[in-house]
C-alpha cells in the first residue's frame, strides 16, 4: 500500500510525528545528523506501523 492510499487520519498523524521529530533539525551538529536522521526514520517507521495496526 502506498502512503497516499492510507486513510487521511493516518497520513495526518504520520505527518505530525515527522514534524515533531524534525523540530530543531537546523540546530543539530553535523557529526550527529546521520545518527539523528536514522533515529527519526526509525521513530516515524514505528509510528507508521502502530497507526496501520490500529486500523
C-alpha atoms as a PDB file:
ATOM      1  CA  UNK A   1       0.000   0.000   0.000  1.00  0.00           C
ATOM      2  CA  UNK A   2       1.291   3.450  -0.879  1.00  0.00           C
ATOM      3  CA  UNK A   3       1.432   6.115   1.799  1.00  0.00           C
ATOM      4  CA  UNK A   4      -1.017   8.273  -0.139  1.00  0.00           C
ATOM      5  CA  UNK A   5      -3.548   5.429  -0.167  1.00  0.00           C
ATOM      6  CA  UNK A   6      -3.777   5.373   3.617  1.00  0.00           C
ATOM      7  CA  UNK A   7      -6.736   6.935   5.399  1.00  0.00           C
ATOM      8  CA  UNK A   8      -6.411  10.682   5.918  1.00  0.00           C
ATOM      9  CA  UNK A   9      -6.173  10.380   9.712  1.00  0.00           C
ATOM     10  CA  UNK A  10      -3.168   8.040   9.386  1.00  0.00           C
ATOM     11  CA  UNK A  11      -1.406  10.390   6.973  1.00  0.00           C
ATOM     12  CA  UNK A  12      -2.103  13.350   9.248  1.00  0.00           C
ATOM     13  CA  UNK A  13      -0.791  11.530  12.330  1.00  0.00           C
ATOM     14  CA  UNK A  14       2.347  10.435  10.468  1.00  0.00           C
ATOM     15  CA  UNK A  15       2.957  13.994   9.281  1.00  0.00           C
ATOM     16  CA  UNK A  16       2.608  15.327  12.829  1.00  0.00           C
ATOM     17  CA  UNK A  17       5.028  12.690  14.114  1.00  0.00           C
ATOM     18  CA  UNK A  18       7.569  13.557  11.434  1.00  0.00           C
ATOM     19  CA  UNK A  19       7.203  17.253  12.159  1.00  0.00           C
ATOM     20  CA  UNK A  20       7.838  16.716  15.875  1.00  0.00           C
ATOM     21  CA  UNK A  21      10.830  14.507  15.171  1.00  0.00           C
ATOM     22  CA  UNK A  22      12.405  17.018  12.787  1.00  0.00           C
ATOM     23  CA  UNK A  23      11.903  20.002  15.071  1.00  0.00           C
ATOM     24  CA  UNK A  24      15.220  21.730  15.544  1.00  0.00           C
ATOM     25  CA  UNK A  25      16.946  19.928  12.673  1.00  0.00           C
ATOM     26  CA  UNK A  26      18.926  23.048  11.817  1.00  0.00           C
ATOM     27  CA  UNK A  27      20.370  23.023  15.334  1.00  0.00           C
ATOM     28  CA  UNK A  28      21.851  19.525  15.012  1.00  0.00           C
ATOM     29  CA  UNK A  29      25.630  19.379  14.885  1.00  0.00           C
ATOM     30  CA  UNK A  30      26.992  17.986  11.623  1.00  0.00           C
ATOM     31  CA  UNK A  31      28.560  14.945  13.246  1.00  0.00           C
ATOM     32  CA  UNK A  32      25.247  13.931  14.808  1.00  0.00           C
ATOM     33  CA  UNK A  33      22.933  14.475  11.841  1.00  0.00           C
ATOM     34  CA  UNK A  34      23.279  10.977  10.370  1.00  0.00           C
ATOM     35  CA  UNK A  35      22.697   9.357  13.752  1.00  0.00           C
ATOM     36  CA  UNK A  36      19.690  11.546  14.459  1.00  0.00           C
ATOM     37  CA  UNK A  37      18.290  11.131  10.948  1.00  0.00           C
ATOM     38  CA  UNK A  38      18.380   7.363  11.404  1.00  0.00           C
ATOM     39  CA  UNK A  39      16.620   7.706  14.761  1.00  0.00           C
ATOM     40  CA  UNK A  40      13.960   9.934  13.189  1.00  0.00           C
ATOM     41  CA  UNK A  41      13.392   7.464  10.355  1.00  0.00           C
ATOM     42  CA  UNK A  42      13.054   4.601  12.820  1.00  0.00           C
ATOM     43  CA  UNK A  43      10.661   6.566  15.020  1.00  0.00           C
ATOM     44  CA  UNK A  44       8.471   7.569  12.098  1.00  0.00           C
ATOM     45  CA  UNK A  45       8.523   3.998  10.771  1.00  0.00           C
ATOM     46  CA  UNK A  46       7.478   2.625  14.173  1.00  0.00           C
ATOM     47  CA  UNK A  47       4.700   5.203  14.464  1.00  0.00           C
ATOM     48  CA  UNK A  48       3.513   4.387  10.962  1.00  0.00           C
ATOM     49  CA  UNK A  49       3.357   0.669  11.800  1.00  0.00           C
ATOM     50  CA  UNK A  50       1.412   1.343  15.013  1.00  0.00           C
ATOM     51  CA  UNK A  51      -1.046   3.558  13.136  1.00  0.00           C
ATOM     52  CA  UNK A  52      -1.599   0.919  10.472  1.00  0.00           C
ATOM     53  CA  UNK A  53      -2.134  -1.783  13.083  1.00  0.00           C
ATOM     54  CA  UNK A  54      -4.761   0.406  14.728  1.00  0.00           C
ATOM     55  CA  UNK A  55      -6.992   0.385  11.610  1.00  0.00           C
END
